[in-house]
């Protein structure tokens, strides 16, 4: 399904740029701040770091209150309905959409999107929403389309660098539960702190994860990774996906590293050798491209 991309610049919905654009054509940001306090968080950097990278969760200043935020989201969805039905909405680049501070608004937005047949992807490092009976109840309604909702978990395997997030192994187990409930699943293997931890996360979740998005750590020194370890990791992932059939998207950070440090060995070919390796426009909801 070919889609002409639109540029959204609303209060709730917008078109991501840079590395974020590799995750979604449209993102939804209603809150800023995240309590997980991950050491590698890219939002902590730059002039907006104190605001975007804060551990205090706040409604964006452009909204009067949560009701205004949800109503704005609904209006912007209807304004771009046909486009959103094709490309979906990603929650969220500036917070965790499933922590206790945000998930009530997230729930309202997802219900509206679902009624409009808009696919949504939710990326989280939190798992306690599964124990929230009020939150989970609407997901079990007969009219709710589970095929239009994908739950994703960031999996680094490094709990020591994510002090206030749910443990990685608990996230893996939660993904399994959600897959068994009938939802699409994906994992963000980004940033790779070390290859050993990342391959362990992939191995632990491979049998119930539909798509892995794999990326290197930004803002580190040029020699942070060892080319031979990177090559071995690529081989491990290739072997796993060929045996188990899950999809893999290698983020641009991987391609750039290979072009710079491994070009003489022609390793760029390795990132396209498997039929299960997909491009950024791969859709979890439409079995291929948008």
C-alpha atoms as a PDB file:
ATOM      1  CA  UNK A   1       0.000   0.000   0.000  1.00  0.00           C
ATOM      2  CA  UNK A   2       1.730   3.159  -1.221  1.00  0.00           C
ATOM      3  CA  UNK A   3       1.275   6.211   0.961  1.00  0.00           C
ATOM      4  CA  UNK A   4       2.053   9.835   0.215  1.00  0.00           C
ATOM      5  CA  UNK A   5       3.546  11.196   3.415  1.00  0.00           C
ATOM      6  CA  UNK A   6       1.984  14.205   5.075  1.00  0.00           C
ATOM      7  CA  UNK A   7       3.727  16.668   7.373  1.00  0.00           C
ATOM      8  CA  UNK A   8       1.807  17.025  10.632  1.00  0.00           C
ATOM      9  CA  UNK A   9       2.621  19.758  13.110  1.00  0.00           C
ATOM     10  CA  UNK A  10      -0.255  19.700  15.603  1.00  0.00           C
ATOM     11  CA  UNK A  11      -0.330  20.069  19.357  1.00  0.00           C
ATOM     12  CA  UNK A  12      -0.768  16.329  19.905  1.00  0.00           C
ATOM     13  CA  UNK A  13       0.200  14.760  16.568  1.00  0.00           C
ATOM     14  CA  UNK A  14       3.308  15.532  14.562  1.00  0.00           C
ATOM     15  CA  UNK A  15       5.736  14.099  12.025  1.00  0.00           C
ATOM     16  CA  UNK A  16       8.963  12.975  13.742  1.00  0.00           C
ATOM     17  CA  UNK A  17      12.381  13.789  12.302  1.00  0.00           C
ATOM     18  CA  UNK A  18      15.775  12.102  12.394  1.00  0.00           C
ATOM     19  CA  UNK A  19      16.134   8.799  14.230  1.00  0.00           C
ATOM     20  CA  UNK A  20      12.584   9.107  15.613  1.00  0.00           C
ATOM     21  CA  UNK A  21      11.205   8.990  12.061  1.00  0.00           C
ATOM     22  CA  UNK A  22      12.509   5.421  11.826  1.00  0.00           C
ATOM     23  CA  UNK A  23       9.901   4.434  14.414  1.00  0.00           C
ATOM     24  CA  UNK A  24       6.841   6.137  13.019  1.00  0.00           C
ATOM     25  CA  UNK A  25       5.456   8.550  10.445  1.00  0.00           C
ATOM     26  CA  UNK A  26       3.264  10.135  13.117  1.00  0.00           C
ATOM     27  CA  UNK A  27       3.944  10.505  16.820  1.00  0.00           C
ATOM     28  CA  UNK A  28       1.720  11.577  19.685  1.00  0.00           C
ATOM     29  CA  UNK A  29       3.264  13.648  22.479  1.00  0.00           C
ATOM     30  CA  UNK A  30       0.921  14.856  25.209  1.00  0.00           C
ATOM     31  CA  UNK A  31       3.269  14.676  28.199  1.00  0.00           C
ATOM     32  CA  UNK A  32       6.941  15.415  28.781  1.00  0.00           C
ATOM     33  CA  UNK A  33       9.175  13.821  31.385  1.00  0.00           C
ATOM     34  CA  UNK A  34       9.721  10.217  32.402  1.00  0.00           C
ATOM     35  CA  UNK A  35      10.412   8.690  35.830  1.00  0.00           C
ATOM     36  CA  UNK A  36      12.613   5.856  34.543  1.00  0.00           C
ATOM     37  CA  UNK A  37      15.728   8.094  34.661  1.00  0.00           C
ATOM     38  CA  UNK A  38      17.671   5.992  32.141  1.00  0.00           C
ATOM     39  CA  UNK A  39      21.333   6.921  32.033  1.00  0.00           C
ATOM     40  CA  UNK A  40      21.492   6.863  28.236  1.00  0.00           C
ATOM     41  CA  UNK A  41      18.302   8.888  27.574  1.00  0.00           C
ATOM     42  CA  UNK A  42      18.742  11.110  24.514  1.00  0.00           C
ATOM     43  CA  UNK A  43      16.154  13.562  25.868  1.00  0.00           C
ATOM     44  CA  UNK A  44      18.541  14.580  28.643  1.00  0.00           C
ATOM     45  CA  UNK A  45      20.886  16.164  26.132  1.00  0.00           C
ATOM     46  CA  UNK A  46      20.841  19.636  24.615  1.00  0.00           C
ATOM     47  CA  UNK A  47      19.208  22.889  25.643  1.00  0.00           C
ATOM     48  CA  UNK A  48      15.810  21.235  26.171  1.00  0.00           C
ATOM     49  CA  UNK A  49      17.303  18.496  28.368  1.00  0.00           C
ATOM     50  CA  UNK A  50      16.089  19.935  31.688  1.00  0.00           C
ATOM     51  CA  UNK A  51      12.508  19.967  30.348  1.00  0.00           C
ATOM     52  CA  UNK A  52      12.263  16.923  28.080  1.00  0.00           C
ATOM     53  CA  UNK A  53      14.648  14.754  30.085  1.00  0.00           C
ATOM     54  CA  UNK A  54      13.118  15.507  33.466  1.00  0.00           C
ATOM     55  CA  UNK A  55      11.903  12.699  35.716  1.00  0.00           C
ATOM     56  CA  UNK A  56       8.834  14.821  36.516  1.00  0.00           C
ATOM     57  CA  UNK A  57       5.911  14.010  34.233  1.00  0.00           C
ATOM     58  CA  UNK A  58       4.002  17.078  33.037  1.00  0.00           C
ATOM     59  CA  UNK A  59       1.222  17.794  30.598  1.00  0.00           C
ATOM     60  CA  UNK A  60       2.552  19.811  27.668  1.00  0.00           C
ATOM     61  CA  UNK A  61       2.046  23.531  28.188  1.00  0.00           C
ATOM     62  CA  UNK A  62      -0.049  23.871  25.029  1.00  0.00           C
ATOM     63  CA  UNK A  63      -2.903  21.973  26.724  1.00  0.00           C
ATOM     64  CA  UNK A  64      -5.199  23.543  29.332  1.00  0.00           C
ATOM     65  CA  UNK A  65      -5.847  20.202  31.021  1.00  0.00           C
ATOM     66  CA  UNK A  66      -6.166  16.503  30.215  1.00  0.00           C
ATOM     67  CA  UNK A  67      -9.648  16.946  28.743  1.00  0.00           C
ATOM     68  CA  UNK A  68      -8.323  19.585  26.369  1.00  0.00           C
ATOM     69  CA  UNK A  69      -5.446  17.275  25.434  1.00  0.00           C
ATOM     70  CA  UNK A  70      -7.759  14.380  24.549  1.00  0.00           C
ATOM     71  CA  UNK A  71     -10.163  16.619  22.623  1.00  0.00           C
ATOM     72  CA  UNK A  72      -7.245  18.101  20.678  1.00  0.00           C
ATOM     73  CA  UNK A  73      -6.021  14.610  19.865  1.00  0.00           C
ATOM     74  CA  UNK A  74      -9.481  13.627  18.595  1.00  0.00           C
ATOM     75  CA  UNK A  75      -9.786  16.728  16.402  1.00  0.00           C
ATOM     76  CA  UNK A  76      -6.355  16.188  14.898  1.00  0.00           C
ATOM     77  CA  UNK A  77      -7.159  12.529  14.221  1.00  0.00           C
ATOM     78  CA  UNK A  78     -10.321  13.430  12.356  1.00  0.00           C
ATOM     79  CA  UNK A  79      -8.489  16.122  10.394  1.00  0.00           C
ATOM     80  CA  UNK A  80      -5.984  13.579   9.062  1.00  0.00           C
ATOM     81  CA  UNK A  81      -8.149  10.463   9.337  1.00  0.00           C
ATOM     82  CA  UNK A  82      -7.441   8.776   6.006  1.00  0.00           C
ATOM     83  CA  UNK A  83      -3.686   9.250   6.373  1.00  0.00           C
ATOM     84  CA  UNK A  84      -3.618   8.021   9.967  1.00  0.00           C
ATOM     85  CA  UNK A  85      -5.620   4.923   9.089  1.00  0.00           C
ATOM     86  CA  UNK A  86      -2.757   3.992   6.770  1.00  0.00           C
ATOM     87  CA  UNK A  87       0.312   4.926   8.822  1.00  0.00           C
ATOM     88  CA  UNK A  88      -0.929   4.762  12.430  1.00  0.00           C
ATOM     89  CA  UNK A  89       0.195   6.694  15.526  1.00  0.00           C
ATOM     90  CA  UNK A  90       3.174   6.091  17.810  1.00  0.00           C
ATOM     91  CA  UNK A  91       3.001   6.771  21.584  1.00  0.00           C
ATOM     92  CA  UNK A  92       5.325   8.468  22.638  1.00  0.00           C
ATOM     93  CA  UNK A  93       8.689  10.119  22.079  1.00  0.00           C
ATOM     94  CA  UNK A  94       8.715  12.406  25.125  1.00  0.00           C
ATOM     95  CA  UNK A  95       7.411  10.136  27.894  1.00  0.00           C
ATOM     96  CA  UNK A  96       6.302   6.585  28.640  1.00  0.00           C
ATOM     97  CA  UNK A  97       2.641   6.280  27.591  1.00  0.00           C
ATOM     98  CA  UNK A  98       1.850   3.425  29.992  1.00  0.00           C
ATOM     99  CA  UNK A  99       3.072   4.720  33.349  1.00  0.00           C
ATOM    100  CA  UNK A 100       0.444   5.650  35.943  1.00  0.00           C
ATOM    101  CA  UNK A 101       0.797   9.398  35.242  1.00  0.00           C
ATOM    102  CA  UNK A 102       0.002   9.079  31.536  1.00  0.00           C
ATOM    103  CA  UNK A 103      -2.032   5.967  30.876  1.00  0.00           C
ATOM    104  CA  UNK A 104      -5.511   7.364  31.555  1.00  0.00           C
ATOM    105  CA  UNK A 105      -5.057   9.894  28.760  1.00  0.00           C
ATOM    106  CA  UNK A 106      -3.356   7.252  26.625  1.00  0.00           C
ATOM    107  CA  UNK A 107      -6.351   4.986  27.134  1.00  0.00           C
ATOM    108  CA  UNK A 108      -8.800   7.672  26.001  1.00  0.00           C
ATOM    109  CA  UNK A 109      -6.719   8.358  22.908  1.00  0.00           C
ATOM    110  CA  UNK A 110      -6.391   4.695  21.976  1.00  0.00           C
ATOM    111  CA  UNK A 111     -10.108   4.040  22.357  1.00  0.00           C
ATOM    112  CA  UNK A 112     -10.881   6.950  20.035  1.00  0.00           C
ATOM    113  CA  UNK A 113      -8.246   5.847  17.507  1.00  0.00           C
ATOM    114  CA  UNK A 114      -9.556   2.284  17.607  1.00  0.00           C
ATOM    115  CA  UNK A 115     -13.095   3.448  16.872  1.00  0.00           C
ATOM    116  CA  UNK A 116     -11.693   5.354  13.881  1.00  0.00           C
ATOM    117  CA  UNK A 117      -9.739   2.274  12.696  1.00  0.00           C
ATOM    118  CA  UNK A 118      -6.401   3.985  13.322  1.00  0.00           C
ATOM    119  CA  UNK A 119      -3.553   1.608  14.262  1.00  0.00           C
ATOM    120  CA  UNK A 120      -1.478   2.564  17.316  1.00  0.00           C
ATOM    121  CA  UNK A 121       1.923   1.511  18.629  1.00  0.00           C
ATOM    122  CA  UNK A 122       2.842   1.918  22.293  1.00  0.00           C
ATOM    123  CA  UNK A 123       6.470   1.780  23.439  1.00  0.00           C
ATOM    124  CA  UNK A 124       7.108   1.361  27.151  1.00  0.00           C
ATOM    125  CA  UNK A 125       9.546   0.227  29.851  1.00  0.00           C
ATOM    126  CA  UNK A 126       6.729  -0.200  32.325  1.00  0.00           C
ATOM    127  CA  UNK A 127       4.695  -3.322  33.083  1.00  0.00           C
ATOM    128  CA  UNK A 128       2.390  -2.528  36.001  1.00  0.00           C
ATOM    129  CA  UNK A 129      -0.404  -1.493  33.613  1.00  0.00           C
ATOM    130  CA  UNK A 130      -1.074  -5.219  33.203  1.00  0.00           C
ATOM    131  CA  UNK A 131      -2.172  -5.316  36.850  1.00  0.00           C
ATOM    132  CA  UNK A 132      -4.433  -2.271  36.397  1.00  0.00           C
ATOM    133  CA  UNK A 133      -7.846  -3.904  35.940  1.00  0.00           C
ATOM    134  CA  UNK A 134      -9.529  -0.642  34.953  1.00  0.00           C
ATOM    135  CA  UNK A 135      -6.936   0.029  32.279  1.00  0.00           C
ATOM    136  CA  UNK A 136      -6.957  -3.524  30.926  1.00  0.00           C
ATOM    137  CA  UNK A 137     -10.732  -3.985  30.932  1.00  0.00           C
ATOM    138  CA  UNK A 138     -11.389  -1.899  27.803  1.00  0.00           C
ATOM    139  CA  UNK A 139      -8.819  -3.926  25.886  1.00  0.00           C
ATOM    140  CA  UNK A 140     -11.016  -6.983  26.361  1.00  0.00           C
ATOM    141  CA  UNK A 141     -14.234  -5.439  25.030  1.00  0.00           C
ATOM    142  CA  UNK A 142     -15.693  -7.500  22.133  1.00  0.00           C
ATOM    143  CA  UNK A 143     -15.818  -4.480  19.825  1.00  0.00           C
ATOM    144  CA  UNK A 144     -12.203  -3.501  20.490  1.00  0.00           C
ATOM    145  CA  UNK A 145      -9.915  -4.296  17.551  1.00  0.00           C
ATOM    146  CA  UNK A 146      -6.770  -5.851  19.001  1.00  0.00           C
ATOM    147  CA  UNK A 147      -5.326  -6.179  15.512  1.00  0.00           C
ATOM    148  CA  UNK A 148      -4.898  -2.405  15.464  1.00  0.00           C
ATOM    149  CA  UNK A 149      -2.809  -2.197  18.652  1.00  0.00           C
ATOM    150  CA  UNK A 150       0.864  -3.093  19.028  1.00  0.00           C
ATOM    151  CA  UNK A 151       2.627  -3.136  22.387  1.00  0.00           C
ATOM    152  CA  UNK A 152       6.361  -2.588  22.320  1.00  0.00           C
ATOM    153  CA  UNK A 153       9.039  -2.770  24.993  1.00  0.00           C
ATOM    154  CA  UNK A 154      12.486  -1.235  25.040  1.00  0.00           C
ATOM    155  CA  UNK A 155      14.859  -4.086  25.895  1.00  0.00           C
ATOM    156  CA  UNK A 156      18.486  -3.293  26.673  1.00  0.00           C
ATOM    157  CA  UNK A 157      19.073  -6.047  29.210  1.00  0.00           C
ATOM    158  CA  UNK A 158      20.706  -3.474  31.463  1.00  0.00           C
ATOM    159  CA  UNK A 159      18.557  -2.847  34.528  1.00  0.00           C
ATOM    160  CA  UNK A 160      21.472  -1.011  36.125  1.00  0.00           C
ATOM    161  CA  UNK A 161      21.086   1.815  33.596  1.00  0.00           C
ATOM    162  CA  UNK A 162      17.279   2.038  33.939  1.00  0.00           C
ATOM    163  CA  UNK A 163      16.879   2.443  37.710  1.00  0.00           C
ATOM    164  CA  UNK A 164      13.157   3.210  37.887  1.00  0.00           C
ATOM    165  CA  UNK A 165      11.853   1.100  35.009  1.00  0.00           C
ATOM    166  CA  UNK A 166      10.432  -2.412  35.232  1.00  0.00           C
ATOM    167  CA  UNK A 167      13.135  -5.052  35.027  1.00  0.00           C
ATOM    168  CA  UNK A 168      13.943  -6.194  31.505  1.00  0.00           C
ATOM    169  CA  UNK A 169      12.950  -9.812  32.144  1.00  0.00           C
ATOM    170  CA  UNK A 170       9.572  -8.623  33.449  1.00  0.00           C
ATOM    171  CA  UNK A 171       9.094  -6.613  30.257  1.00  0.00           C
ATOM    172  CA  UNK A 172       9.845  -9.744  28.244  1.00  0.00           C
ATOM    173  CA  UNK A 173       7.276 -11.745  30.214  1.00  0.00           C
ATOM    174  CA  UNK A 174       4.719  -8.962  29.794  1.00  0.00           C
ATOM    175  CA  UNK A 175       5.225  -9.021  26.043  1.00  0.00           C
ATOM    176  CA  UNK A 176       4.474 -12.734  26.059  1.00  0.00           C
ATOM    177  CA  UNK A 177       1.231 -12.121  27.985  1.00  0.00           C
ATOM    178  CA  UNK A 178       0.129  -9.431  25.532  1.00  0.00           C
ATOM    179  CA  UNK A 179       0.959 -11.613  22.535  1.00  0.00           C
ATOM    180  CA  UNK A 180      -1.159 -14.385  24.022  1.00  0.00           C
ATOM    181  CA  UNK A 181      -4.004 -11.889  24.436  1.00  0.00           C
ATOM    182  CA  UNK A 182      -3.937 -11.282  20.690  1.00  0.00           C
ATOM    183  CA  UNK A 183      -1.970  -8.045  20.321  1.00  0.00           C
ATOM    184  CA  UNK A 184       0.874  -7.278  17.936  1.00  0.00           C
ATOM    185  CA  UNK A 185       4.257  -7.002  19.663  1.00  0.00           C
ATOM    186  CA  UNK A 186       7.562  -5.311  18.934  1.00  0.00           C
ATOM    187  CA  UNK A 187      10.804  -4.573  20.735  1.00  0.00           C
ATOM    188  CA  UNK A 188      13.210  -1.669  20.590  1.00  0.00           C
ATOM    189  CA  UNK A 189      16.689  -3.126  20.993  1.00  0.00           C
ATOM    190  CA  UNK A 190      18.065   0.372  21.296  1.00  0.00           C
ATOM    191  CA  UNK A 191      20.385   1.552  22.487  1.00  0.00           C
ATOM    192  CA  UNK A 192      22.690  -1.444  22.465  1.00  0.00           C
ATOM    193  CA  UNK A 193      24.720  -0.938  25.624  1.00  0.00           C
ATOM    194  CA  UNK A 194      26.609  -4.149  25.013  1.00  0.00           C
ATOM    195  CA  UNK A 195      26.005  -6.847  22.422  1.00  0.00           C
ATOM    196  CA  UNK A 196      25.829  -9.700  24.926  1.00  0.00           C
ATOM    197  CA  UNK A 197      22.917  -8.154  26.834  1.00  0.00           C
ATOM    198  CA  UNK A 198      21.058  -7.278  23.633  1.00  0.00           C
ATOM    199  CA  UNK A 199      21.290 -10.714  22.035  1.00  0.00           C
ATOM    200  CA  UNK A 200      20.076 -12.230  25.295  1.00  0.00           C
ATOM    201  CA  UNK A 201      16.972 -10.022  25.156  1.00  0.00           C
ATOM    202  CA  UNK A 202      16.303 -11.033  21.560  1.00  0.00           C
ATOM    203  CA  UNK A 203      16.701 -14.717  22.408  1.00  0.00           C
ATOM    204  CA  UNK A 204      14.371 -14.392  25.407  1.00  0.00           C
ATOM    205  CA  UNK A 205      11.566 -12.744  23.408  1.00  0.00           C
ATOM    206  CA  UNK A 206      12.027 -14.124  19.880  1.00  0.00           C
ATOM    207  CA  UNK A 207       9.134 -16.590  20.032  1.00  0.00           C
ATOM    208  CA  UNK A 208       6.495 -13.921  20.745  1.00  0.00           C
ATOM    209  CA  UNK A 209       7.901 -10.704  19.282  1.00  0.00           C
ATOM    210  CA  UNK A 210       6.778  -9.774  15.767  1.00  0.00           C
ATOM    211  CA  UNK A 211       9.379  -7.110  15.046  1.00  0.00           C
ATOM    212  CA  UNK A 212      12.731  -6.024  16.467  1.00  0.00           C
ATOM    213  CA  UNK A 213      14.096  -2.537  15.786  1.00  0.00           C
ATOM    214  CA  UNK A 214      17.813  -2.582  16.520  1.00  0.00           C
ATOM    215  CA  UNK A 215      19.999   0.484  16.957  1.00  0.00           C
ATOM    216  CA  UNK A 216      23.338   1.545  18.386  1.00  0.00           C
ATOM    217  CA  UNK A 217      23.926   4.002  21.194  1.00  0.00           C
ATOM    218  CA  UNK A 218      24.282   7.654  20.219  1.00  0.00           C
ATOM    219  CA  UNK A 219      26.599  10.208  21.775  1.00  0.00           C
ATOM    220  CA  UNK A 220      29.399   7.726  22.557  1.00  0.00           C
ATOM    221  CA  UNK A 221      33.037   7.717  21.462  1.00  0.00           C
ATOM    222  CA  UNK A 222      33.991   6.316  18.097  1.00  0.00           C
ATOM    223  CA  UNK A 223      35.612   3.244  19.631  1.00  0.00           C
ATOM    224  CA  UNK A 224      32.710   2.384  21.961  1.00  0.00           C
ATOM    225  CA  UNK A 225      31.911  -0.696  19.841  1.00  0.00           C
ATOM    226  CA  UNK A 226      34.321  -3.301  18.505  1.00  0.00           C
ATOM    227  CA  UNK A 227      33.745  -4.151  14.791  1.00  0.00           C
ATOM    228  CA  UNK A 228      34.348  -7.880  15.324  1.00  0.00           C
ATOM    229  CA  UNK A 229      31.721  -7.960  18.095  1.00  0.00           C
ATOM    230  CA  UNK A 230      29.307  -6.058  15.876  1.00  0.00           C
ATOM    231  CA  UNK A 231      29.846  -8.566  13.067  1.00  0.00           C
ATOM    232  CA  UNK A 232      29.278 -11.501  15.408  1.00  0.00           C
ATOM    233  CA  UNK A 233      26.069  -9.913  16.716  1.00  0.00           C
ATOM    234  CA  UNK A 234      24.720  -9.430  13.186  1.00  0.00           C
ATOM    235  CA  UNK A 235      25.413 -13.102  12.497  1.00  0.00           C
ATOM    236  CA  UNK A 236      23.628 -14.158  15.673  1.00  0.00           C
ATOM    237  CA  UNK A 237      20.529 -12.090  14.822  1.00  0.00           C
ATOM    238  CA  UNK A 238      20.504 -13.398  11.254  1.00  0.00           C
ATOM    239  CA  UNK A 239      20.600 -17.001  12.450  1.00  0.00           C
ATOM    240  CA  UNK A 240      17.805 -16.420  14.951  1.00  0.00           C
ATOM    241  CA  UNK A 241      15.451 -14.704  12.506  1.00  0.00           C
ATOM    242  CA  UNK A 242      16.035 -17.336   9.822  1.00  0.00           C
ATOM    243  CA  UNK A 243      15.060 -20.047  12.330  1.00  0.00           C
ATOM    244  CA  UNK A 244      12.177 -18.242  14.043  1.00  0.00           C
ATOM    245  CA  UNK A 245      10.734 -15.924  11.408  1.00  0.00           C
ATOM    246  CA  UNK A 246      10.504 -12.632  13.294  1.00  0.00           C
ATOM    247  CA  UNK A 247      11.176  -9.394  11.411  1.00  0.00           C
ATOM    248  CA  UNK A 248      14.188  -7.144  11.985  1.00  0.00           C
ATOM    249  CA  UNK A 249      14.733  -3.505  11.132  1.00  0.00           C
ATOM    250  CA  UNK A 250      18.342  -2.332  11.384  1.00  0.00           C
ATOM    251  CA  UNK A 251      18.317   1.349  12.247  1.00  0.00           C
ATOM    252  CA  UNK A 252      20.436   3.879  10.369  1.00  0.00           C
ATOM    253  CA  UNK A 253      22.907   3.979  13.247  1.00  0.00           C
ATOM    254  CA  UNK A 254      23.918   0.417  12.322  1.00  0.00           C
ATOM    255  CA  UNK A 255      24.318   1.220   8.635  1.00  0.00           C
ATOM    256  CA  UNK A 256      26.423   4.287   9.404  1.00  0.00           C
ATOM    257  CA  UNK A 257      28.678   2.344  11.777  1.00  0.00           C
ATOM    258  CA  UNK A 258      29.262  -0.383   9.205  1.00  0.00           C
ATOM    259  CA  UNK A 259      29.966   2.088   6.424  1.00  0.00           C
ATOM    260  CA  UNK A 260      32.530   3.823   8.612  1.00  0.00           C
ATOM    261  CA  UNK A 261      34.202   0.934  10.410  1.00  0.00           C
ATOM    262  CA  UNK A 262      33.486  -2.218   8.390  1.00  0.00           C
ATOM    263  CA  UNK A 263      33.160  -1.032   4.798  1.00  0.00           C
ATOM    264  CA  UNK A 264      36.280  -2.922   3.681  1.00  0.00           C
ATOM    265  CA  UNK A 265      34.616  -6.189   4.635  1.00  0.00           C
ATOM    266  CA  UNK A 266      31.410  -5.292   2.763  1.00  0.00           C
ATOM    267  CA  UNK A 267      29.280  -5.908   5.851  1.00  0.00           C
ATOM    268  CA  UNK A 268      26.534  -3.611   4.545  1.00  0.00           C
ATOM    269  CA  UNK A 269      25.319  -6.623   2.555  1.00  0.00           C
ATOM    270  CA  UNK A 270      24.837  -8.508   5.829  1.00  0.00           C
ATOM    271  CA  UNK A 271      22.031  -6.128   6.818  1.00  0.00           C
ATOM    272  CA  UNK A 272      19.939  -7.140   3.802  1.00  0.00           C
ATOM    273  CA  UNK A 273      20.809 -10.809   3.385  1.00  0.00           C
ATOM    274  CA  UNK A 274      17.788 -12.235   5.228  1.00  0.00           C
ATOM    275  CA  UNK A 275      14.242 -12.051   3.799  1.00  0.00           C
ATOM    276  CA  UNK A 276      13.131 -11.207   7.345  1.00  0.00           C
ATOM    277  CA  UNK A 277      15.113  -7.946   7.368  1.00  0.00           C
ATOM    278  CA  UNK A 278      12.689  -5.119   6.615  1.00  0.00           C
ATOM    279  CA  UNK A 279      12.803  -1.406   5.834  1.00  0.00           C
ATOM    280  CA  UNK A 280      11.565   1.467   7.987  1.00  0.00           C
ATOM    281  CA  UNK A 281       8.177   1.541   6.234  1.00  0.00           C
ATOM    282  CA  UNK A 282       7.358  -2.035   7.258  1.00  0.00           C
ATOM    283  CA  UNK A 283       3.918  -2.210   8.865  1.00  0.00           C
ATOM    284  CA  UNK A 284       3.003  -4.520  11.718  1.00  0.00           C
ATOM    285  CA  UNK A 285      -0.645  -4.028  10.836  1.00  0.00           C
ATOM    286  CA  UNK A 286      -0.737  -4.567   7.097  1.00  0.00           C
ATOM    287  CA  UNK A 287       1.785  -7.406   6.676  1.00  0.00           C
ATOM    288  CA  UNK A 288       4.367  -5.334   4.918  1.00  0.00           C
ATOM    289  CA  UNK A 289       4.515  -1.753   3.751  1.00  0.00           C
ATOM    290  CA  UNK A 290       1.929   0.837   4.795  1.00  0.00           C
END
